[in-house]
């Protein structure tokens, strides 16, 4: 009798296991998101400000080394920003360790202000580049964007439509004007922005905003 009961229990247990295997749903594991990635179609924006406009603005800190009159700056690099595939800025980076003095010194060749370098590293760079490759990234980005001769050190102010600046850069670089954008405020150029693929080739800026002014001023280089 006991043997028969044990046999029935064993058969019942096997049936339950088979049923569980038939009706159980597989669990799909989602890949962990990479916090430093903005997607496969992300791209970079090399942003360059016009130093005379910045330095002539009384609301800006003129202690910045980009306002050193002995250096005669025109366009200077403001930052290298990552955009998502739709052209929107990537999320700000989380806090990170500061760059070494040696790396900052190398970056001064592109961004002539230590405070701005520290700001850009913390906010825009540290989650997309490493201390080991960030200098090379700026070298490649700036090599991909040649400044036209007319904008290198003009001794008188320039007043042109934003589209003219973009077409001049396109001609100088053998690219399309759609690879560039301008931003402006109060009738003056704020930033000139060049859109680059992640291997530093010119690409269309897509839906990135454009300066709406009919004409904008670039103050003379002092």
N, C-alpha and C. Protein backbone atom coordinates (compact mmCIF):
# COMPACT_ATOMS: atom_id res chain seq x y z
N UNK A 1 0.84 -1.21 0.00
CA UNK A 1 0.00 0.00 0.00
C UNK A 1 0.86 1.24 0.00
N UNK A 2 1.84 1.27 0.90
CA UNK A 2 2.71 2.45 0.96
C UNK A 2 3.48 2.63 -0.34
N UNK A 3 3.90 1.50 -0.94
CA UNK A 3 4.62 1.59 -2.20
C UNK A 3 3.75 2.19 -3.29
N UNK A 4 2.46 1.85 -3.30
CA UNK A 4 1.53 2.38 -4.30
C UNK A 4 1.34 3.87 -4.11
N UNK A 5 1.25 4.31 -2.85
CA UNK A 5 1.07 5.76 -2.56
C UNK A 5 2.30 6.52 -3.03
N UNK A 6 3.48 5.97 -2.71
CA UNK A 6 4.71 6.67 -3.14
C UNK A 6 4.78 6.77 -4.65
N UNK A 7 4.32 5.73 -5.36
CA UNK A 7 4.36 5.74 -6.82
C UNK A 7 3.44 6.82 -7.37
N UNK A 8 2.21 6.93 -6.74
CA UNK A 8 1.26 7.96 -7.21
C UNK A 8 1.82 9.37 -7.00
N UNK A 9 2.46 9.59 -5.82
CA UNK A 9 3.03 10.91 -5.52
C UNK A 9 4.15 11.26 -6.49
N UNK A 10 4.94 10.25 -6.86
CA UNK A 10 6.05 10.48 -7.80
C UNK A 10 5.51 10.87 -9.16
N UNK A 11 4.45 10.19 -9.61
CA UNK A 11 3.84 10.51 -10.92
C UNK A 11 3.27 11.91 -10.90
N UNK A 12 2.59 12.28 -9.80
CA UNK A 12 1.98 13.61 -9.68
C UNK A 12 3.05 14.70 -9.71
N UNK A 13 4.18 14.47 -9.01
CA UNK A 13 5.27 15.45 -8.98
C UNK A 13 5.85 15.66 -10.39
N UNK A 14 6.00 14.59 -11.14
CA UNK A 14 6.53 14.70 -12.50
C UNK A 14 5.60 15.48 -13.40
N UNK A 15 4.28 15.27 -13.23
CA UNK A 15 3.30 16.00 -14.05
C UNK A 15 3.35 17.49 -13.77
N UNK A 16 3.50 17.84 -12.48
CA UNK A 16 3.59 19.27 -12.11
C UNK A 16 4.82 19.91 -12.73
N UNK A 17 5.96 19.22 -12.70
CA UNK A 17 7.19 19.76 -13.28
C UNK A 17 7.07 19.99 -14.77
N UNK A 18 6.43 19.01 -15.47
CA UNK A 18 6.26 19.13 -16.93
C UNK A 18 5.36 20.31 -17.26
N UNK A 19 4.27 20.47 -16.49
CA UNK A 19 3.34 21.57 -16.73
C UNK A 19 4.03 22.91 -16.51
N UNK A 20 4.84 22.97 -15.45
CA UNK A 20 5.55 24.22 -15.18
C UNK A 20 6.48 24.59 -16.31
N UNK A 21 7.16 23.62 -16.87
CA UNK A 21 8.09 23.88 -17.97
C UNK A 21 7.36 24.34 -19.21
N UNK A 22 6.13 23.81 -19.43
CA UNK A 22 5.37 24.16 -20.63
C UNK A 22 4.85 25.59 -20.57
N UNK A 23 4.43 26.04 -19.40
CA UNK A 23 3.76 27.33 -19.30
C UNK A 23 4.64 28.46 -18.80
N UNK A 24 5.82 28.13 -18.35
CA UNK A 24 6.70 29.20 -17.86
C UNK A 24 7.12 30.09 -19.01
N UNK A 25 7.16 31.41 -18.79
CA UNK A 25 7.58 32.37 -19.81
C UNK A 25 9.06 32.68 -19.63
N UNK A 26 9.79 32.70 -20.73
CA UNK A 26 11.22 33.01 -20.59
C UNK A 26 11.41 34.44 -20.13
N UNK A 27 12.42 34.69 -19.31
CA UNK A 27 12.73 36.03 -18.80
C UNK A 27 13.81 36.65 -19.66
N UNK A 28 13.49 37.78 -20.27
CA UNK A 28 14.45 38.45 -21.14
C UNK A 28 15.21 39.50 -20.36
N UNK A 29 16.52 39.45 -20.43
CA UNK A 29 17.37 40.41 -19.74
C UNK A 29 17.68 41.56 -20.65
N UNK A 30 17.37 42.78 -20.23
CA UNK A 30 17.70 43.96 -21.01
C UNK A 30 19.15 44.33 -20.79
N UNK A 31 19.84 44.72 -21.87
CA UNK A 31 21.23 45.13 -21.70
C UNK A 31 21.31 46.39 -20.87
N UNK A 32 22.32 46.47 -20.04
CA UNK A 32 22.51 47.65 -19.22
C UNK A 32 22.91 48.82 -20.09
N UNK A 33 22.24 49.95 -19.88
CA UNK A 33 22.54 51.13 -20.69
C UNK A 33 23.93 51.65 -20.35
N UNK A 34 24.61 52.14 -21.37
CA UNK A 34 25.93 52.76 -21.19
C UNK A 34 25.73 54.24 -20.91
N UNK A 35 26.01 54.67 -19.69
CA UNK A 35 25.73 56.05 -19.30
C UNK A 35 26.58 57.04 -20.06
N UNK A 36 27.65 56.58 -20.70
CA UNK A 36 28.50 57.50 -21.43
C UNK A 36 28.19 57.57 -22.91
N UNK A 37 27.12 56.92 -23.34
CA UNK A 37 26.80 56.87 -24.77
C UNK A 37 25.55 57.66 -25.05
N UNK A 38 25.51 58.29 -26.21
CA UNK A 38 24.32 59.03 -26.64
C UNK A 38 23.69 58.37 -27.86
N UNK A 39 24.02 57.11 -28.11
CA UNK A 39 23.43 56.41 -29.24
C UNK A 39 24.42 56.31 -30.40
N UNK A 40 24.12 55.38 -31.31
CA UNK A 40 25.04 55.13 -32.40
C UNK A 40 25.10 56.28 -33.39
N UNK A 41 24.08 57.13 -33.43
CA UNK A 41 24.07 58.25 -34.37
C UNK A 41 24.42 59.57 -33.69
N UNK A 42 25.01 59.50 -32.51
CA UNK A 42 25.44 60.73 -31.84
C UNK A 42 26.53 61.40 -32.65
N UNK A 43 26.67 62.70 -32.46
CA UNK A 43 27.74 63.42 -33.15
C UNK A 43 28.27 64.52 -32.26
N UNK A 44 29.34 65.15 -32.70
CA UNK A 44 30.00 66.20 -31.92
C UNK A 44 29.73 67.57 -32.53
N UNK A 45 29.77 68.57 -31.68
CA UNK A 45 29.74 69.97 -32.12
C UNK A 45 30.99 70.65 -31.58
N UNK A 46 31.82 71.16 -32.49
CA UNK A 46 32.94 71.98 -32.09
C UNK A 46 32.43 73.42 -32.04
N UNK A 47 32.31 73.95 -30.83
CA UNK A 47 31.77 75.31 -30.64
C UNK A 47 32.92 76.29 -30.49
N UNK A 48 32.87 77.35 -31.28
CA UNK A 48 33.91 78.38 -31.22
C UNK A 48 33.25 79.74 -30.98
N UNK A 49 33.74 80.45 -30.01
CA UNK A 49 33.22 81.80 -29.74
C UNK A 49 34.11 82.82 -30.42
N UNK A 50 33.55 84.04 -30.62
CA UNK A 50 34.32 85.14 -31.21
C UNK A 50 34.83 85.99 -30.06
N UNK A 51 36.12 85.90 -29.78
CA UNK A 51 36.70 86.52 -28.59
C UNK A 51 36.41 88.01 -28.47
N UNK A 52 36.52 88.83 -29.53
CA UNK A 52 36.23 90.26 -29.36
C UNK A 52 34.81 90.54 -28.89
N UNK A 53 33.83 89.78 -29.38
CA UNK A 53 32.45 89.97 -28.91
C UNK A 53 32.33 89.63 -27.43
N UNK A 54 32.93 88.51 -27.04
CA UNK A 54 32.89 88.09 -25.64
C UNK A 54 33.55 89.12 -24.74
N UNK A 55 34.71 89.60 -25.16
CA UNK A 55 35.49 90.49 -24.30
C UNK A 55 34.93 91.91 -24.26
N UNK A 56 34.14 92.28 -25.26
CA UNK A 56 33.52 93.61 -25.26
C UNK A 56 32.21 93.64 -24.48
N UNK A 57 31.76 92.48 -24.02
CA UNK A 57 30.51 92.39 -23.26
C UNK A 57 30.82 92.67 -21.79
N UNK A 58 30.30 93.76 -21.23
CA UNK A 58 30.63 94.10 -19.83
C UNK A 58 30.13 93.09 -18.81
N UNK A 59 29.20 92.22 -19.22
CA UNK A 59 28.68 91.22 -18.28
C UNK A 59 29.58 90.00 -18.16
N UNK A 60 30.61 89.91 -19.03
CA UNK A 60 31.50 88.75 -19.03
C UNK A 60 32.74 89.03 -18.18
N UNK A 61 33.34 87.97 -17.62
CA UNK A 61 34.56 88.15 -16.80
C UNK A 61 35.78 88.43 -17.67
N UNK A 62 36.23 89.67 -17.71
CA UNK A 62 37.33 90.03 -18.59
C UNK A 62 38.68 89.56 -18.06
N UNK A 63 38.69 88.90 -16.92
CA UNK A 63 39.93 88.31 -16.43
C UNK A 63 40.31 87.08 -17.24
N UNK A 64 39.37 86.60 -18.05
CA UNK A 64 39.65 85.43 -18.87
C UNK A 64 40.85 85.68 -19.76
N UNK A 65 41.72 84.67 -19.88
CA UNK A 65 42.92 84.85 -20.69
C UNK A 65 42.60 84.99 -22.18
N UNK A 66 41.38 84.65 -22.58
CA UNK A 66 41.03 84.86 -23.98
C UNK A 66 40.88 86.35 -24.30
N UNK A 67 40.82 87.20 -23.26
CA UNK A 67 40.72 88.64 -23.46
C UNK A 67 42.08 89.33 -23.38
N UNK A 68 43.15 88.57 -23.37
CA UNK A 68 44.50 89.13 -23.37
C UNK A 68 44.75 89.80 -24.71
N UNK A 69 44.83 91.13 -24.72
CA UNK A 69 44.95 91.87 -25.98
C UNK A 69 46.23 91.54 -26.74
N UNK A 70 47.24 91.06 -26.04
CA UNK A 70 48.50 90.76 -26.73
C UNK A 70 48.40 89.49 -27.57
N UNK A 71 47.30 88.73 -27.39
CA UNK A 71 47.20 87.45 -28.10
C UNK A 71 46.33 87.55 -29.36
N UNK A 72 45.57 88.64 -29.51
CA UNK A 72 44.82 88.93 -30.74
C UNK A 72 43.94 87.76 -31.18
N UNK A 73 43.11 87.30 -30.29
CA UNK A 73 42.23 86.18 -30.62
C UNK A 73 41.05 86.63 -31.49
N UNK A 74 40.67 85.79 -32.44
CA UNK A 74 39.42 85.91 -33.16
C UNK A 74 38.52 84.76 -32.69
N UNK A 75 38.41 83.72 -33.50
CA UNK A 75 37.69 82.52 -33.06
C UNK A 75 38.55 81.74 -32.08
N UNK A 76 37.95 81.34 -30.97
CA UNK A 76 38.61 80.42 -30.04
C UNK A 76 37.64 79.29 -29.72
N UNK A 77 38.18 78.15 -29.39
CA UNK A 77 37.33 76.99 -29.07
C UNK A 77 36.66 77.20 -27.73
N UNK A 78 35.36 77.00 -27.71
CA UNK A 78 34.58 77.06 -26.48
C UNK A 78 34.40 75.66 -25.90
N UNK A 79 34.10 74.69 -26.77
CA UNK A 79 33.91 73.34 -26.26
C UNK A 79 33.72 72.34 -27.38
N UNK A 80 33.71 71.07 -27.02
CA UNK A 80 33.43 69.97 -27.92
C UNK A 80 32.27 69.21 -27.29
N UNK A 81 31.08 69.42 -27.85
CA UNK A 81 29.86 68.95 -27.22
C UNK A 81 29.27 67.77 -27.98
N UNK A 82 28.71 66.83 -27.23
CA UNK A 82 28.06 65.67 -27.84
C UNK A 82 26.57 65.95 -27.99
N UNK A 83 26.04 65.64 -29.17
CA UNK A 83 24.61 65.77 -29.46
C UNK A 83 24.03 64.39 -29.70
N UNK A 84 22.75 64.21 -29.38
CA UNK A 84 22.13 62.93 -29.71
C UNK A 84 21.74 62.92 -31.18
N UNK A 85 21.18 61.81 -31.64
CA UNK A 85 20.89 61.65 -33.06
C UNK A 85 19.94 62.71 -33.60
N UNK A 86 19.07 63.25 -32.75
CA UNK A 86 18.11 64.26 -33.19
C UNK A 86 18.67 65.67 -33.14
N UNK A 87 19.92 65.82 -32.68
CA UNK A 87 20.53 67.14 -32.63
C UNK A 87 20.39 67.85 -31.31
N UNK A 88 19.84 67.18 -30.31
CA UNK A 88 19.72 67.79 -28.99
C UNK A 88 20.98 67.52 -28.16
N UNK A 89 21.36 68.45 -27.29
CA UNK A 89 22.55 68.23 -26.47
C UNK A 89 22.41 67.00 -25.59
N UNK A 90 23.49 66.25 -25.46
CA UNK A 90 23.50 65.11 -24.54
C UNK A 90 23.37 65.61 -23.10
N UNK A 91 22.92 64.74 -22.22
CA UNK A 91 22.80 65.10 -20.81
C UNK A 91 24.16 65.48 -20.24
N UNK A 92 24.14 66.38 -19.27
CA UNK A 92 25.39 66.78 -18.62
C UNK A 92 26.05 65.57 -17.97
N UNK A 93 27.37 65.58 -17.95
CA UNK A 93 28.11 64.50 -17.30
C UNK A 93 27.97 64.59 -15.79
N UNK A 94 28.11 63.45 -15.13
CA UNK A 94 28.16 63.44 -13.67
C UNK A 94 29.52 63.96 -13.22
N UNK A 95 29.63 64.25 -11.95
CA UNK A 95 30.89 64.78 -11.44
C UNK A 95 32.02 63.77 -11.64
N UNK A 96 33.22 64.26 -11.87
CA UNK A 96 34.35 63.39 -12.11
C UNK A 96 35.61 64.03 -11.54
N UNK A 97 36.67 63.27 -11.51
CA UNK A 97 37.94 63.80 -11.03
C UNK A 97 38.47 64.85 -12.00
N UNK A 98 39.10 65.90 -11.50
CA UNK A 98 39.62 66.94 -12.40
C UNK A 98 40.77 66.41 -13.24
N UNK A 99 41.01 67.10 -14.34
CA UNK A 99 42.13 66.74 -15.20
C UNK A 99 43.46 67.09 -14.54
N UNK A 100 44.51 66.40 -14.92
CA UNK A 100 45.83 66.72 -14.41
C UNK A 100 46.30 68.05 -14.98
N UNK A 101 47.24 68.68 -14.29
CA UNK A 101 47.79 69.94 -14.77
C UNK A 101 48.42 69.80 -16.15
N UNK A 102 49.06 68.66 -16.40
CA UNK A 102 49.70 68.44 -17.69
C UNK A 102 48.68 68.40 -18.83
N UNK A 103 47.54 67.73 -18.58
CA UNK A 103 46.50 67.66 -19.61
C UNK A 103 45.87 69.03 -19.84
N UNK A 104 45.63 69.77 -18.75
CA UNK A 104 45.08 71.13 -18.89
C UNK A 104 46.04 71.99 -19.71
N UNK A 105 47.32 71.87 -19.46
CA UNK A 105 48.30 72.65 -20.23
C UNK A 105 48.22 72.33 -21.72
N UNK A 106 48.00 71.08 -22.05
CA UNK A 106 47.87 70.70 -23.46
C UNK A 106 46.58 71.27 -24.06
N UNK A 107 45.51 71.25 -23.29
CA UNK A 107 44.23 71.77 -23.79
C UNK A 107 44.23 73.28 -23.92
N UNK A 108 45.13 73.96 -23.23
CA UNK A 108 45.23 75.41 -23.35
C UNK A 108 45.56 75.84 -24.78
N UNK A 109 46.10 74.94 -25.58
CA UNK A 109 46.37 75.25 -26.98
C UNK A 109 45.07 75.43 -27.77
N UNK A 110 43.96 74.92 -27.21
CA UNK A 110 42.67 75.00 -27.90
C UNK A 110 41.69 75.93 -27.17
N UNK A 111 41.62 75.78 -25.85
CA UNK A 111 40.74 76.61 -25.02
C UNK A 111 41.65 77.42 -24.10
N UNK A 112 41.85 78.70 -24.37
CA UNK A 112 42.87 79.46 -23.62
C UNK A 112 42.41 79.97 -22.27
N UNK A 113 41.74 79.12 -21.50
CA UNK A 113 41.27 79.54 -20.18
C UNK A 113 41.13 78.30 -19.30
N UNK A 114 41.88 78.25 -18.22
CA UNK A 114 41.88 77.06 -17.35
C UNK A 114 40.52 76.84 -16.69
N UNK A 115 39.85 77.91 -16.30
CA UNK A 115 38.54 77.76 -15.69
C UNK A 115 37.53 77.16 -16.65
N UNK A 116 37.57 77.61 -17.91
CA UNK A 116 36.64 77.07 -18.91
C UNK A 116 36.97 75.61 -19.20
N UNK A 117 38.24 75.26 -19.24
CA UNK A 117 38.61 73.85 -19.44
C UNK A 117 38.03 72.98 -18.33
N UNK A 118 38.18 73.43 -17.09
CA UNK A 118 37.65 72.66 -15.95
C UNK A 118 36.13 72.51 -16.07
N UNK A 119 35.45 73.60 -16.43
CA UNK A 119 33.99 73.57 -16.58
C UNK A 119 33.58 72.60 -17.69
N UNK A 120 34.23 72.71 -18.83
CA UNK A 120 33.86 71.85 -19.96
C UNK A 120 34.13 70.39 -19.65
N UNK A 121 35.23 70.09 -18.98
CA UNK A 121 35.54 68.71 -18.63
C UNK A 121 34.45 68.13 -17.72
N UNK A 122 34.08 68.87 -16.70
CA UNK A 122 33.09 68.37 -15.75
C UNK A 122 31.72 68.21 -16.38
N UNK A 123 31.32 69.17 -17.22
CA UNK A 123 29.94 69.20 -17.71
C UNK A 123 29.74 68.46 -19.02
N UNK A 124 30.69 68.55 -19.95
CA UNK A 124 30.44 68.06 -21.30
C UNK A 124 31.40 66.96 -21.79
N UNK A 125 32.54 66.80 -21.16
CA UNK A 125 33.57 65.95 -21.74
C UNK A 125 33.82 64.65 -20.99
N UNK A 126 33.75 64.68 -19.67
CA UNK A 126 34.25 63.56 -18.86
C UNK A 126 33.48 62.26 -19.06
N UNK A 127 32.24 62.32 -19.55
CA UNK A 127 31.49 61.08 -19.78
C UNK A 127 31.55 60.62 -21.23
N UNK A 128 32.29 61.32 -22.07
CA UNK A 128 32.44 60.94 -23.47
C UNK A 128 33.90 60.71 -23.86
N UNK A 129 34.82 61.26 -23.08
CA UNK A 129 36.24 61.12 -23.36
C UNK A 129 36.95 60.75 -22.06
N UNK A 130 38.19 60.35 -22.19
CA UNK A 130 39.02 60.04 -21.03
C UNK A 130 40.14 61.06 -20.95
N UNK A 131 40.80 61.17 -19.79
CA UNK A 131 41.96 62.06 -19.72
C UNK A 131 43.04 61.69 -20.73
N UNK A 132 43.05 60.43 -21.16
CA UNK A 132 44.07 59.96 -22.08
C UNK A 132 43.76 60.32 -23.54
N UNK A 133 42.47 60.51 -23.90
CA UNK A 133 42.17 60.76 -25.31
C UNK A 133 41.53 62.12 -25.59
N UNK A 134 41.30 62.92 -24.55
CA UNK A 134 40.58 64.18 -24.78
C UNK A 134 41.42 65.17 -25.58
N UNK A 135 42.72 65.21 -25.37
CA UNK A 135 43.57 66.13 -26.14
C UNK A 135 43.56 65.74 -27.62
N UNK A 136 43.67 64.46 -27.90
CA UNK A 136 43.63 63.98 -29.29
C UNK A 136 42.30 64.32 -29.95
N UNK A 137 41.21 64.26 -29.17
CA UNK A 137 39.89 64.61 -29.72
C UNK A 137 39.86 66.07 -30.16
N UNK A 138 40.41 66.97 -29.36
CA UNK A 138 40.45 68.38 -29.74
C UNK A 138 41.39 68.60 -30.93
N UNK A 139 42.48 67.86 -30.99
CA UNK A 139 43.38 67.98 -32.13
C UNK A 139 42.67 67.60 -33.42
N UNK A 140 41.93 66.50 -33.39
CA UNK A 140 41.23 66.04 -34.59
C UNK A 140 40.08 66.97 -34.95
N UNK A 141 39.34 67.43 -33.95
CA UNK A 141 38.20 68.30 -34.22
C UNK A 141 38.64 69.63 -34.83
N UNK A 142 39.66 70.25 -34.24
CA UNK A 142 40.11 71.54 -34.75
C UNK A 142 40.79 71.40 -36.11
N UNK A 143 41.44 70.27 -36.36
CA UNK A 143 42.04 70.04 -37.67
C UNK A 143 40.98 69.91 -38.76
N UNK A 144 39.77 69.49 -38.37
CA UNK A 144 38.69 69.29 -39.33
C UNK A 144 37.93 70.57 -39.66
N UNK A 145 38.22 71.66 -38.94
CA UNK A 145 37.49 72.93 -39.15
C UNK A 145 38.49 74.06 -39.36
N UNK A 146 38.73 74.39 -40.61
CA UNK A 146 39.66 75.47 -40.95
C UNK A 146 38.91 76.81 -40.93
N UNK A 147 39.48 77.81 -40.29
CA UNK A 147 38.88 79.14 -40.24
C UNK A 147 39.24 79.89 -41.52
N UNK A 148 38.25 80.41 -42.25
CA UNK A 148 38.55 81.17 -43.47
C UNK A 148 39.43 82.38 -43.17
N UNK A 149 40.25 82.76 -44.14
CA UNK A 149 41.22 83.85 -43.95
C UNK A 149 40.55 85.14 -43.50
N UNK A 150 39.36 85.43 -44.01
CA UNK A 150 38.68 86.70 -43.70
C UNK A 150 38.32 86.81 -42.22
N UNK A 151 38.28 85.68 -41.50
CA UNK A 151 37.86 85.69 -40.10
C UNK A 151 39.02 85.47 -39.13
N UNK A 152 40.23 85.44 -39.64
CA UNK A 152 41.35 85.12 -38.75
C UNK A 152 41.77 86.28 -37.86
N UNK A 153 41.85 87.47 -38.38
CA UNK A 153 42.23 88.62 -37.56
C UNK A 153 41.77 89.93 -38.22
N UNK A 154 40.47 90.09 -38.43
CA UNK A 154 40.00 91.32 -39.09
C UNK A 154 40.22 92.55 -38.21
N UNK A 155 40.74 93.60 -38.80
CA UNK A 155 41.01 94.82 -38.05
C UNK A 155 39.83 95.78 -38.04
N UNK A 156 38.77 95.41 -38.73
CA UNK A 156 37.53 96.17 -38.68
C UNK A 156 36.37 95.20 -38.49
N UNK A 157 35.27 95.70 -37.95
CA UNK A 157 34.13 94.84 -37.66
C UNK A 157 33.55 94.24 -38.94
N UNK A 158 32.99 93.06 -38.81
CA UNK A 158 32.34 92.37 -39.92
C UNK A 158 30.85 92.29 -39.61
N UNK A 159 30.02 92.65 -40.56
CA UNK A 159 28.58 92.50 -40.43
C UNK A 159 28.07 91.69 -41.61
N UNK A 160 27.63 90.48 -41.35
CA UNK A 160 27.21 89.57 -42.41
C UNK A 160 26.02 88.73 -41.95
N UNK A 161 25.24 88.19 -42.88
CA UNK A 161 24.19 87.24 -42.50
C UNK A 161 24.82 85.97 -41.93
N UNK A 162 24.16 85.31 -41.01
CA UNK A 162 24.69 84.03 -40.48
C UNK A 162 24.98 83.03 -41.60
N UNK A 163 24.12 83.02 -42.61
CA UNK A 163 24.32 82.07 -43.71
C UNK A 163 25.62 82.32 -44.46
N UNK A 164 26.07 83.59 -44.48
CA UNK A 164 27.33 83.90 -45.16
C UNK A 164 28.51 83.30 -44.40
N UNK A 165 28.48 83.40 -43.08
CA UNK A 165 29.55 82.79 -42.28
C UNK A 165 29.61 81.29 -42.54
N UNK A 166 28.45 80.67 -42.54
CA UNK A 166 28.39 79.22 -42.75
C UNK A 166 28.88 78.84 -44.14
N UNK A 167 28.49 79.59 -45.15
CA UNK A 167 28.93 79.28 -46.52
C UNK A 167 30.43 79.53 -46.68
N UNK A 168 30.96 80.56 -46.01
CA UNK A 168 32.40 80.81 -46.07
C UNK A 168 33.19 79.65 -45.46
N UNK A 169 32.70 79.13 -44.32
CA UNK A 169 33.37 77.98 -43.71
C UNK A 169 33.24 76.74 -44.60
N UNK A 170 32.08 76.58 -45.24
CA UNK A 170 31.90 75.43 -46.13
C UNK A 170 32.87 75.48 -47.29
N UNK A 171 33.07 76.67 -47.86
CA UNK A 171 34.02 76.82 -48.97
C UNK A 171 35.44 76.52 -48.51
N UNK A 172 35.81 77.03 -47.36
CA UNK A 172 37.17 76.84 -46.85
C UNK A 172 37.46 75.39 -46.51
N UNK A 173 36.42 74.63 -46.19
CA UNK A 173 36.61 73.24 -45.75
C UNK A 173 36.13 72.21 -46.75
N UNK A 174 35.63 72.65 -47.90
CA UNK A 174 35.16 71.71 -48.90
C UNK A 174 33.97 70.89 -48.45
N UNK A 175 33.07 71.53 -47.69
CA UNK A 175 31.90 70.84 -47.15
C UNK A 175 30.63 71.59 -47.54
N UNK A 176 29.50 71.16 -47.00
CA UNK A 176 28.23 71.82 -47.22
C UNK A 176 27.92 72.78 -46.08
N UNK A 177 27.22 73.87 -46.38
CA UNK A 177 26.88 74.86 -45.35
C UNK A 177 26.02 74.26 -44.24
N UNK A 178 25.31 73.17 -44.53
CA UNK A 178 24.47 72.52 -43.53
C UNK A 178 25.25 71.89 -42.40
N UNK A 179 26.58 71.81 -42.54
CA UNK A 179 27.42 71.25 -41.48
C UNK A 179 27.77 72.28 -40.42
N UNK A 180 27.21 73.49 -40.53
CA UNK A 180 27.55 74.57 -39.60
C UNK A 180 26.30 75.28 -39.11
N UNK A 181 26.42 75.86 -37.91
CA UNK A 181 25.36 76.66 -37.32
C UNK A 181 25.99 77.88 -36.64
N UNK A 182 25.22 78.93 -36.51
CA UNK A 182 25.64 80.09 -35.73
C UNK A 182 24.60 80.34 -34.64
N UNK A 183 25.05 80.84 -33.50
CA UNK A 183 24.13 81.32 -32.46
C UNK A 183 24.47 82.79 -32.21
N UNK A 184 23.48 83.56 -31.83
CA UNK A 184 23.69 84.99 -31.73
C UNK A 184 22.87 85.57 -30.59
N UNK A 185 23.22 86.79 -30.20
CA UNK A 185 22.48 87.53 -29.17
C UNK A 185 22.69 89.01 -29.41
N UNK A 186 21.60 89.76 -29.39
CA UNK A 186 21.64 91.22 -29.54
C UNK A 186 22.42 91.64 -30.78
N UNK A 187 22.23 90.91 -31.86
CA UNK A 187 22.85 91.28 -33.12
C UNK A 187 24.32 90.93 -33.25
N UNK A 188 24.85 90.12 -32.33
CA UNK A 188 26.26 89.74 -32.40
C UNK A 188 26.40 88.21 -32.38
N UNK A 189 27.46 87.75 -33.02
CA UNK A 189 27.76 86.33 -33.01
C UNK A 189 28.15 85.89 -31.60
N UNK A 190 27.57 84.81 -31.13
CA UNK A 190 27.95 84.22 -29.84
C UNK A 190 28.85 83.01 -30.08
N UNK A 191 28.33 82.03 -30.82
CA UNK A 191 29.11 80.83 -31.14
C UNK A 191 28.98 80.47 -32.60
N UNK A 192 30.04 79.96 -33.15
CA UNK A 192 30.00 79.29 -34.44
C UNK A 192 30.16 77.81 -34.13
N UNK A 193 29.30 76.96 -34.71
CA UNK A 193 29.26 75.55 -34.35
C UNK A 193 29.43 74.68 -35.59
N UNK A 194 30.41 73.79 -35.54
CA UNK A 194 30.68 72.85 -36.63
C UNK A 194 30.26 71.46 -36.20
N UNK A 195 29.47 70.79 -37.01
CA UNK A 195 28.97 69.46 -36.68
C UNK A 195 29.89 68.40 -37.28
N UNK A 196 30.28 67.45 -36.45
CA UNK A 196 31.26 66.43 -36.84
C UNK A 196 30.78 65.05 -36.42
N UNK A 197 31.06 64.06 -37.25
CA UNK A 197 30.80 62.69 -36.85
C UNK A 197 31.75 62.30 -35.72
N UNK A 198 31.53 61.15 -35.14
CA UNK A 198 32.40 60.72 -34.04
C UNK A 198 33.79 60.31 -34.52
N UNK A 199 34.01 60.27 -35.85
CA UNK A 199 35.37 60.12 -36.35
C UNK A 199 35.84 61.42 -37.01
N UNK A 200 35.18 62.54 -36.61
CA UNK A 200 35.63 63.89 -36.93
C UNK A 200 35.60 64.24 -38.42
N UNK A 201 34.50 63.82 -39.06
CA UNK A 201 34.22 64.24 -40.43
C UNK A 201 32.99 65.17 -40.40
N UNK A 202 32.96 66.14 -41.30
CA UNK A 202 31.83 67.06 -41.34
C UNK A 202 30.53 66.29 -41.62
N UNK A 203 29.45 66.71 -40.95
CA UNK A 203 28.14 66.10 -41.17
C UNK A 203 27.07 67.17 -41.02
N UNK A 204 25.90 66.90 -41.53
CA UNK A 204 24.80 67.86 -41.45
C UNK A 204 24.36 68.04 -40.00
N UNK A 205 24.07 69.28 -39.63
CA UNK A 205 23.66 69.58 -38.26
C UNK A 205 22.20 69.24 -37.97
N UNK A 206 21.45 68.86 -39.00
CA UNK A 206 20.08 68.44 -38.78
C UNK A 206 19.20 69.54 -38.21
N UNK A 207 18.52 69.22 -37.11
CA UNK A 207 17.54 70.14 -36.53
C UNK A 207 18.11 71.10 -35.50
N UNK A 208 19.42 71.21 -35.42
CA UNK A 208 20.00 72.15 -34.47
C UNK A 208 19.54 73.57 -34.79
N UNK A 209 19.30 74.40 -33.76
CA UNK A 209 18.78 75.75 -33.99
C UNK A 209 19.78 76.64 -34.71
N UNK A 210 19.24 77.66 -35.36
CA UNK A 210 20.02 78.59 -36.16
C UNK A 210 19.76 80.02 -35.68
N UNK A 211 20.75 80.87 -35.77
CA UNK A 211 20.57 82.28 -35.44
C UNK A 211 19.51 82.87 -36.36
N UNK A 212 18.47 83.53 -35.80
CA UNK A 212 17.39 84.04 -36.64
C UNK A 212 17.65 85.44 -37.21
N UNK A 213 18.75 86.08 -36.81
CA UNK A 213 19.00 87.46 -37.24
C UNK A 213 19.34 87.53 -38.73
N UNK A 214 18.96 88.64 -39.35
CA UNK A 214 19.30 88.82 -40.75
C UNK A 214 20.76 89.12 -40.96
N UNK A 215 21.39 89.77 -39.98
CA UNK A 215 22.81 90.10 -40.05
C UNK A 215 23.36 90.15 -38.64
N UNK A 216 24.60 89.70 -38.47
CA UNK A 216 25.22 89.71 -37.15
C UNK A 216 26.62 90.31 -37.23
N UNK A 217 27.07 90.86 -36.11
CA UNK A 217 28.37 91.55 -36.07
C UNK A 217 29.43 90.70 -35.42
N UNK A 218 30.63 90.79 -35.98
CA UNK A 218 31.84 90.24 -35.36
C UNK A 218 32.76 91.44 -35.14
N UNK A 219 32.96 91.80 -33.88
CA UNK A 219 33.79 92.95 -33.59
C UNK A 219 35.22 92.75 -34.08
N UNK A 220 35.91 93.86 -34.33
CA UNK A 220 37.28 93.79 -34.83
C UNK A 220 38.20 93.16 -33.79
N UNK A 221 39.20 92.44 -34.29
CA UNK A 221 40.24 91.89 -33.43
C UNK A 221 41.18 93.01 -33.03
N UNK A 222 41.39 93.18 -31.73
CA UNK A 222 42.20 94.30 -31.23
C UNK A 222 43.69 93.98 -31.35
